């Protein structure tokens, strides 16, 4: 218990998927909705217009089901085909091996946050948006959050106020303050080129992860298209962004191969640099989850899923009391899963991304994994549920 009567028990900075899932899970676990503040710089309508593609594991579907946010518009992934360009060997992971309806799903950011936002509204959770957290000030018995909010009917005029909370959780976006430091563990020297593409011979519900000398290339089934994440050196990525559509599709076909026939259409492309941020150190009353705690390489699509697992554990603990003791338990309980996922995605992003003779061994290892069912099961379990 705190000595001060705060405005809220828990303030969540960032109303992305992890932040809103945490808020809904807290209410489901018994926390009074009016004691939770959900803060974000964007309105729910603005967030719902975000067209980005997201990969959800089957474990994440179970979390969403728990808070009444499933089904959502999504394309099931029943198979994942993993290969190394220019090397013998590949591995195929299937949902049938695990007696599950799917290994995962591909959805849009906007569809997911719209569903989560609706659930939070139905649960009566206070949403402070659009609002920007400009600073955090932690005391022994509370945290003060300074906000800038758009005053009603003011055409963008900002009004400031301060709220207090027993516990603050930084989710996606917003300011976390000097209390928590994120350490840049690695600059991958890669840039991700993102687009929606179509192929002449698509394979329904099959995702592809293809490793090249410069980084992984992923194709995730989404409706009748594929969400493309093509990781390459900054120089190559600049070349890809400068090509016209026909030239880009030709380069994509050369890099991926002919398993899907030819690529026939691409959307507008966007690009962003890739690095690994992790190791956010919480304080007595402040914690980080999701992208605020770790920003991973997109290989294997684990970032969102790790964040939702963060939210699940934190909700269970804070429902027992919004206090420093339970927050300290969270940091300890999440360490193994976070560390394993960070190391797994980091290794996948770096070990395959070169042209050394080691690639022949790594390519053969994919064939070995395909032949050994327990090895495939361990990999699939990590991808779907994390380290439990």
Protein backbone atom coordinates (compact mmCIF):
# COMPACT_ATOMS: atom_id res chain seq x y z
CA UNK A 1 0.00 0.00 0.00
CA UNK A 2 1.17 3.54 -0.72
CA UNK A 3 1.16 6.34 1.82
CA UNK A 4 -0.32 8.75 -0.71
CA UNK A 5 -3.80 8.49 -2.22
CA UNK A 6 -2.94 8.62 -5.92
CA UNK A 7 -5.15 9.51 -8.87
CA UNK A 8 -4.58 6.02 -10.27
CA UNK A 9 -3.13 2.73 -9.13
CA UNK A 10 -1.53 2.08 -12.52
CA UNK A 11 -0.74 4.51 -15.34
CA UNK A 12 0.14 2.93 -18.70
CA UNK A 13 2.11 5.16 -21.07
CA UNK A 14 1.41 3.95 -24.59
CA UNK A 15 -1.90 2.57 -25.87
CA UNK A 16 -0.50 0.20 -28.45
CA UNK A 17 -1.29 -3.54 -28.40
CA UNK A 18 0.82 -4.32 -25.32
CA UNK A 19 -0.43 -1.32 -23.35
CA UNK A 20 -4.12 -1.89 -24.08
CA UNK A 21 -3.81 -5.65 -23.52
CA UNK A 22 -2.26 -4.93 -20.12
CA UNK A 23 -5.11 -2.57 -19.20
CA UNK A 24 -7.78 -5.08 -20.19
CA UNK A 25 -6.00 -7.96 -18.46
CA UNK A 26 -5.74 -5.92 -15.24
CA UNK A 27 -9.51 -5.43 -15.16
CA UNK A 28 -10.06 -9.10 -15.96
CA UNK A 29 -7.82 -9.95 -12.98
CA UNK A 30 -9.87 -7.75 -10.65
CA UNK A 31 -8.34 -4.24 -10.75
CA UNK A 32 -10.99 -1.52 -10.76
CA UNK A 33 -11.16 0.06 -14.22
CA UNK A 34 -11.32 3.62 -12.85
CA UNK A 35 -7.95 3.06 -11.12
CA UNK A 36 -6.17 2.53 -14.47
CA UNK A 37 -5.05 5.35 -16.78
CA UNK A 38 -4.24 4.55 -20.40
CA UNK A 39 -2.24 7.38 -21.99
CA UNK A 40 -1.36 7.83 -25.66
CA UNK A 41 -0.41 10.64 -28.04
CA UNK A 42 -2.78 9.39 -30.74
CA UNK A 43 -6.54 9.07 -30.76
CA UNK A 44 -7.97 5.58 -31.16
CA UNK A 45 -9.20 6.53 -34.62
CA UNK A 46 -5.70 7.61 -35.67
CA UNK A 47 -4.19 4.38 -34.35
CA UNK A 48 -6.90 2.35 -36.07
CA UNK A 49 -5.90 3.76 -39.46
CA UNK A 50 -2.39 2.27 -39.18
CA UNK A 51 -2.02 -0.28 -42.03
CA UNK A 52 1.16 -2.04 -40.82
CA UNK A 53 1.16 -5.84 -40.78
CA UNK A 54 1.75 -7.72 -37.53
CA UNK A 55 2.60 -11.35 -36.82
CA UNK A 56 0.69 -12.93 -33.92
CA UNK A 57 1.71 -16.30 -32.46
CA UNK A 58 -0.86 -18.86 -31.40
CA UNK A 59 0.04 -18.03 -27.80
CA UNK A 60 -0.86 -14.38 -28.47
CA UNK A 61 -4.22 -15.48 -29.83
CA UNK A 62 -4.87 -17.19 -26.48
CA UNK A 63 -4.07 -13.95 -24.64
CA UNK A 64 -6.45 -12.00 -26.88
CA UNK A 65 -9.16 -14.62 -26.36
CA UNK A 66 -8.77 -14.14 -22.60
CA UNK A 67 -9.82 -10.48 -22.90
CA UNK A 68 -12.53 -11.02 -25.50
CA UNK A 69 -10.52 -9.65 -28.45
CA UNK A 70 -10.63 -12.67 -30.72
CA UNK A 71 -11.48 -13.25 -33.52
CA UNK A 72 -10.08 -10.30 -35.44
CA UNK A 73 -9.50 -9.96 -39.20
CA UNK A 74 -6.40 -12.13 -39.70
CA UNK A 75 -4.84 -14.72 -42.01
CA UNK A 76 -3.78 -18.00 -40.42
CA UNK A 77 -0.23 -19.32 -40.78
CA UNK A 78 -0.39 -23.12 -40.91
CA UNK A 79 3.14 -23.72 -42.22
CA UNK A 80 6.48 -21.95 -41.91
CA UNK A 81 9.10 -22.74 -44.57
CA UNK A 82 12.67 -21.83 -43.55
CA UNK A 83 15.56 -21.89 -46.04
CA UNK A 84 19.02 -20.48 -46.75
CA UNK A 85 19.57 -18.94 -50.19
CA UNK A 86 22.25 -20.76 -52.15
CA UNK A 87 22.53 -23.65 -49.69
CA UNK A 88 21.10 -27.13 -49.42
CA UNK A 89 18.58 -27.73 -46.67
CA UNK A 90 15.33 -26.30 -45.46
CA UNK A 91 12.91 -26.85 -42.58
CA UNK A 92 9.13 -26.93 -42.51
CA UNK A 93 7.13 -26.37 -39.32
CA UNK A 94 3.41 -27.19 -39.50
CA UNK A 95 0.44 -26.61 -37.22
CA UNK A 96 -0.70 -30.20 -37.71
CA UNK A 97 2.34 -31.48 -35.81
CA UNK A 98 1.10 -29.59 -32.76
CA UNK A 99 -2.63 -30.30 -33.15
CA UNK A 100 -3.36 -26.58 -33.39
CA UNK A 101 -5.57 -24.66 -35.83
CA UNK A 102 -2.61 -22.41 -36.74
CA UNK A 103 0.97 -21.61 -35.75
CA UNK A 104 0.15 -17.93 -35.87
CA UNK A 105 -1.70 -15.19 -37.71
CA UNK A 106 -1.03 -12.06 -39.77
CA UNK A 107 -3.20 -9.06 -39.03
CA UNK A 108 -3.02 -5.28 -39.35
CA UNK A 109 -1.99 -2.99 -36.53
CA UNK A 110 -5.12 -0.90 -37.02
CA UNK A 111 -7.46 -3.89 -36.76
CA UNK A 112 -5.79 -5.11 -33.58
CA UNK A 113 -5.76 -1.77 -31.75
CA UNK A 114 -9.35 -1.05 -32.81
CA UNK A 115 -10.47 -4.32 -31.20
CA UNK A 116 -8.38 -3.75 -28.08
CA UNK A 117 -9.55 -0.15 -27.84
CA UNK A 118 -13.16 -1.25 -28.02
CA UNK A 119 -12.57 -3.79 -25.25
CA UNK A 120 -10.95 -1.16 -23.01
CA UNK A 121 -13.88 1.19 -23.58
CA UNK A 122 -16.38 -1.54 -22.73
CA UNK A 123 -14.46 -2.28 -19.54
CA UNK A 124 -14.59 1.39 -18.52
CA UNK A 125 -10.85 2.06 -18.56
CA UNK A 126 -9.96 5.76 -18.54
CA UNK A 127 -8.23 6.73 -21.80
CA UNK A 128 -6.25 9.97 -21.73
CA UNK A 129 -5.70 10.67 -25.43
CA UNK A 130 -4.39 12.51 -27.24
CA UNK A 131 -1.95 13.19 -24.40
CA UNK A 132 1.83 13.28 -24.25
CA UNK A 133 3.81 12.36 -21.14
CA UNK A 134 6.51 15.04 -20.91
CA UNK A 135 8.19 13.89 -17.70
CA UNK A 136 8.06 11.37 -14.88
CA UNK A 137 9.01 12.14 -11.28
CA UNK A 138 9.32 9.16 -8.98
CA UNK A 139 8.95 9.58 -5.22
CA UNK A 140 9.00 6.99 -2.46
CA UNK A 141 5.24 6.48 -2.50
CA UNK A 142 4.11 7.49 -6.02
CA UNK A 143 5.08 8.63 -9.50
CA UNK A 144 3.99 12.01 -10.88
CA UNK A 145 3.34 12.23 -14.61
CA UNK A 146 3.33 15.61 -16.34
CA UNK A 147 0.99 15.60 -19.34
CA UNK A 148 0.31 17.79 -22.30
CA UNK A 149 -3.21 17.31 -23.63
CA UNK A 150 -5.12 18.85 -26.49
CA UNK A 151 -7.79 20.98 -24.90
CA UNK A 152 -11.31 20.28 -26.14
CA UNK A 153 -12.29 22.59 -28.99
CA UNK A 154 -8.92 24.33 -28.92
CA UNK A 155 -7.64 23.40 -32.42
CA UNK A 156 -4.48 21.84 -31.10
CA UNK A 157 -3.82 24.18 -28.15
CA UNK A 158 -1.95 22.20 -25.48
CA UNK A 159 -2.97 22.22 -21.83
CA UNK A 160 -0.74 20.80 -19.12
CA UNK A 161 -1.63 18.91 -15.96
CA UNK A 162 -0.07 16.41 -13.57
CA UNK A 163 -1.48 13.07 -12.44
CA UNK A 164 -0.15 10.60 -9.89
CA UNK A 165 0.00 6.80 -9.91
CA UNK A 166 1.32 4.11 -7.60
CA UNK A 167 2.91 2.27 -10.55
CA UNK A 168 3.81 3.48 -14.05
CA UNK A 169 4.21 1.11 -16.99
CA UNK A 170 5.87 2.28 -20.18
CA UNK A 171 4.49 0.35 -23.14
CA UNK A 172 4.83 1.47 -26.77
CA UNK A 173 5.67 5.11 -27.39
CA UNK A 174 5.86 8.08 -25.07
CA UNK A 175 8.52 9.27 -22.68
CA UNK A 176 9.97 6.95 -20.11
CA UNK A 177 12.28 9.47 -18.47
CA UNK A 178 15.78 9.15 -17.10
CA UNK A 179 14.81 6.45 -14.61
CA UNK A 180 15.08 3.70 -17.22
CA UNK A 181 17.93 3.24 -19.67
CA UNK A 182 17.73 1.19 -22.84
CA UNK A 183 21.08 -0.10 -24.00
CA UNK A 184 21.76 -0.46 -27.72
CA UNK A 185 23.10 -3.99 -27.86
CA UNK A 186 23.65 -4.21 -31.60
CA UNK A 187 23.47 -2.21 -34.80
CA UNK A 188 22.70 -4.88 -37.38
CA UNK A 189 23.89 -2.84 -40.32
CA UNK A 190 20.63 -3.79 -41.99
CA UNK A 191 17.59 -1.89 -43.23
CA UNK A 192 14.15 -3.48 -43.53
CA UNK A 193 12.21 -2.83 -46.73
CA UNK A 194 8.48 -3.34 -46.14
CA UNK A 195 5.74 -3.84 -48.74
CA UNK A 196 2.68 -5.88 -49.67
CA UNK A 197 3.35 -8.10 -52.70
CA UNK A 198 1.45 -10.59 -54.82
CA UNK A 199 2.70 -13.78 -56.44
CA UNK A 200 1.47 -15.78 -59.41
CA UNK A 201 1.41 -19.10 -57.49
CA UNK A 202 0.68 -18.32 -53.84
CA UNK A 203 0.57 -21.16 -51.30
CA UNK A 204 -2.32 -20.63 -48.90
CA UNK A 205 -1.42 -20.13 -45.24
CA UNK A 206 2.30 -20.78 -45.71
CA UNK A 207 4.88 -18.26 -44.44
CA UNK A 208 8.46 -18.12 -45.67
CA UNK A 209 11.64 -17.13 -43.87
CA UNK A 210 14.56 -17.08 -46.33
CA UNK A 211 18.05 -16.16 -45.18
CA UNK A 212 20.37 -14.32 -47.57
CA UNK A 213 23.94 -13.03 -47.32
CA UNK A 214 22.63 -9.61 -46.25
CA UNK A 215 19.80 -10.60 -43.92
CA UNK A 216 16.49 -12.49 -43.72
CA UNK A 217 13.65 -12.12 -46.21
CA UNK A 218 10.19 -12.94 -44.87
CA UNK A 219 6.92 -13.39 -46.72
CA UNK A 220 3.82 -13.68 -44.53
CA UNK A 221 0.45 -14.64 -46.05
CA UNK A 222 -2.13 -11.87 -45.69
CA UNK A 223 -5.46 -12.10 -47.50
CA UNK A 224 -4.48 -12.78 -51.11
CA UNK A 225 -1.07 -11.10 -50.78
CA UNK A 226 2.12 -11.39 -48.77
CA UNK A 227 3.50 -9.00 -46.18
CA UNK A 228 7.15 -8.63 -47.19
CA UNK A 229 9.98 -7.84 -44.76
CA UNK A 230 13.24 -7.76 -46.72
CA UNK A 231 16.34 -7.09 -44.61
CA UNK A 232 19.48 -6.02 -46.44
CA UNK A 233 22.45 -3.68 -46.11
CA UNK A 234 21.64 0.04 -46.16
CA UNK A 235 23.24 0.35 -49.60
CA UNK A 236 21.17 -2.47 -51.09
CA UNK A 237 18.03 -1.16 -49.41
CA UNK A 238 18.59 2.27 -50.97
CA UNK A 239 18.86 0.58 -54.36
CA UNK A 240 15.64 -1.38 -53.73
CA UNK A 241 13.77 1.76 -52.72
CA UNK A 242 14.95 3.58 -55.87
CA UNK A 243 13.77 0.88 -58.32
CA UNK A 244 10.50 1.09 -60.16
CA UNK A 245 7.91 -1.57 -59.31
CA UNK A 246 8.81 -3.94 -62.13
CA UNK A 247 12.52 -3.80 -61.32
CA UNK A 248 11.84 -4.27 -57.61
CA UNK A 249 9.68 -7.35 -58.25
CA UNK A 250 12.39 -8.79 -60.46
CA UNK A 251 15.02 -8.30 -57.73
CA UNK A 252 12.66 -9.88 -55.20
CA UNK A 253 12.20 -12.92 -57.44
CA UNK A 254 15.97 -13.28 -57.83
CA UNK A 255 16.46 -13.16 -54.05
CA UNK A 256 13.54 -15.40 -53.07
CA UNK A 257 13.44 -17.93 -55.88
CA UNK A 258 10.56 -19.41 -57.84
CA UNK A 259 8.59 -21.26 -55.13
CA UNK A 260 5.72 -18.80 -55.54
CA UNK A 261 6.06 -18.32 -59.28
CA UNK A 262 6.71 -14.69 -60.20
CA UNK A 263 5.91 -11.61 -58.17
CA UNK A 264 3.27 -9.55 -59.95
CA UNK A 265 2.45 -6.53 -57.78
CA UNK A 266 3.91 -4.44 -54.98
CA UNK A 267 2.51 -1.70 -52.81
CA UNK A 268 4.40 1.45 -51.91
CA UNK A 269 7.61 0.53 -50.10
CA UNK A 270 8.88 1.90 -46.79
CA UNK A 271 12.25 1.31 -45.12
CA UNK A 272 13.71 1.63 -41.62
CA UNK A 273 17.08 0.76 -40.02
CA UNK A 274 17.37 -2.24 -37.72
CA UNK A 275 19.00 -2.46 -34.32
CA UNK A 276 18.58 -4.38 -31.09
CA UNK A 277 17.49 -2.40 -28.03
CA UNK A 278 17.04 -4.30 -24.80
CA UNK A 279 17.94 -4.33 -21.16
CA UNK A 280 15.52 -1.67 -19.88
CA UNK A 281 16.17 -1.38 -16.15
CA UNK A 282 13.04 -0.75 -14.14
CA UNK A 283 12.84 1.18 -10.90
CA UNK A 284 10.84 0.59 -7.74
CA UNK A 285 7.66 2.01 -9.27
CA UNK A 286 8.31 2.07 -13.03
CA UNK A 287 8.46 -0.85 -15.48
CA UNK A 288 8.72 -1.26 -19.24
CA UNK A 289 6.96 -3.81 -21.46
CA UNK A 290 6.79 -4.45 -25.19
CA UNK A 291 8.77 -2.17 -27.46
CA UNK A 292 9.64 0.10 -24.57
CA UNK A 293 11.54 -2.78 -22.94
CA UNK A 294 13.01 -4.42 -26.04
CA UNK A 295 13.01 -3.65 -29.75
CA UNK A 296 13.97 -6.81 -31.63
CA UNK A 297 15.05 -7.65 -35.14
CA UNK A 298 11.88 -8.53 -37.11
CA UNK A 299 13.16 -12.03 -37.98
CA UNK A 300 10.58 -14.59 -36.80
CA UNK A 301 8.15 -11.78 -35.86
CA UNK A 302 8.59 -12.07 -32.09
CA UNK A 303 8.43 -8.44 -30.91
CA UNK A 304 4.67 -8.10 -30.41
CA UNK A 305 4.32 -11.60 -29.00
CA UNK A 306 7.01 -10.96 -26.39
CA UNK A 307 5.23 -7.74 -25.41
CA UNK A 308 1.90 -9.50 -24.94
CA UNK A 309 3.58 -12.08 -22.72
CA UNK A 310 5.04 -9.19 -20.69
CA UNK A 311 1.54 -7.80 -20.27
CA UNK A 312 0.11 -11.13 -19.13
CA UNK A 313 2.65 -11.64 -16.35
CA UNK A 314 2.55 -8.01 -15.21
CA UNK A 315 -1.26 -7.99 -15.03
CA UNK A 316 -1.29 -11.10 -12.86
CA UNK A 317 1.22 -9.61 -10.41
CA UNK A 318 -0.18 -6.07 -10.21
CA UNK A 319 -3.67 -7.45 -9.66
CA UNK A 320 -2.27 -8.73 -6.37
CA UNK A 321 -1.30 -5.16 -5.48
CA UNK A 322 0.12 -2.13 -7.33
CA UNK A 323 3.30 -1.89 -5.26
CA UNK A 324 7.09 -2.13 -5.63
CA UNK A 325 7.23 -5.68 -4.27
CA UNK A 326 5.02 -7.11 -7.02
CA UNK A 327 6.79 -5.01 -9.65
CA UNK A 328 10.12 -6.50 -8.56
CA UNK A 329 8.63 -9.98 -9.02
CA UNK A 330 7.77 -9.06 -12.61
CA UNK A 331 11.36 -8.21 -13.50
CA UNK A 332 12.56 -11.57 -12.21
CA UNK A 333 9.83 -13.67 -13.77
CA UNK A 334 10.25 -12.17 -17.25
CA UNK A 335 14.05 -12.40 -17.46
CA UNK A 336 14.35 -15.93 -18.91
CA UNK A 337 11.74 -15.48 -21.65
CA UNK A 338 13.05 -12.05 -22.62
CA UNK A 339 16.68 -13.19 -22.70
CA UNK A 340 15.92 -16.35 -24.67
CA UNK A 341 13.84 -14.50 -27.27
CA UNK A 342 16.42 -11.72 -27.65
CA UNK A 343 19.27 -14.21 -28.11
CA UNK A 344 17.27 -16.40 -30.50
CA UNK A 345 16.24 -13.58 -32.82
CA UNK A 346 19.69 -11.99 -32.60
CA UNK A 347 21.36 -15.25 -33.61
CA UNK A 348 18.94 -15.82 -36.49
CA UNK A 349 19.55 -12.28 -37.76
CA UNK A 350 23.35 -12.48 -37.62
CA UNK A 351 24.56 -16.06 -38.08
CA UNK A 352 22.96 -16.51 -41.50
CA UNK A 353 23.69 -12.98 -42.79
CA UNK A 354 27.06 -13.47 -44.48
CA UNK A 355 28.70 -15.50 -47.23
CA UNK A 356 31.23 -17.43 -45.11
CA UNK A 357 31.79 -21.19 -45.50
CA UNK A 358 29.83 -21.60 -42.27
CA UNK A 359 26.65 -21.10 -44.29
CA UNK A 360 26.92 -24.62 -45.72
CA UNK A 361 26.86 -25.98 -42.17
CA UNK A 362 23.95 -23.76 -41.22
CA UNK A 363 22.06 -24.80 -44.33
CA UNK A 364 22.60 -28.45 -43.47
CA UNK A 365 21.38 -27.72 -39.95
CA UNK A 366 18.02 -26.69 -41.38
CA UNK A 367 17.77 -30.07 -43.06
CA UNK A 368 18.70 -31.77 -39.79
CA UNK A 369 16.01 -29.84 -37.91
CA UNK A 370 13.50 -30.92 -40.54
CA UNK A 371 14.40 -34.57 -39.95
CA UNK A 372 14.28 -34.41 -36.15
CA UNK A 373 10.75 -33.88 -34.87
CA UNK A 374 11.75 -32.91 -31.28
CA UNK A 375 14.00 -30.14 -32.64
CA UNK A 376 11.14 -28.73 -34.71
CA UNK A 377 8.86 -28.93 -31.70
CA UNK A 378 11.27 -27.01 -29.45
CA UNK A 379 11.63 -24.25 -32.06
CA UNK A 380 7.87 -24.06 -32.64
CA UNK A 381 7.15 -23.95 -28.90
CA UNK A 382 9.55 -21.03 -28.46
CA UNK A 383 7.95 -19.15 -31.34
CA UNK A 384 4.40 -19.73 -30.16
CA UNK A 385 4.69 -19.44 -26.40
CA UNK A 386 8.17 -18.17 -25.52
CA UNK A 387 10.25 -19.74 -22.78
CA UNK A 388 7.91 -21.00 -20.08
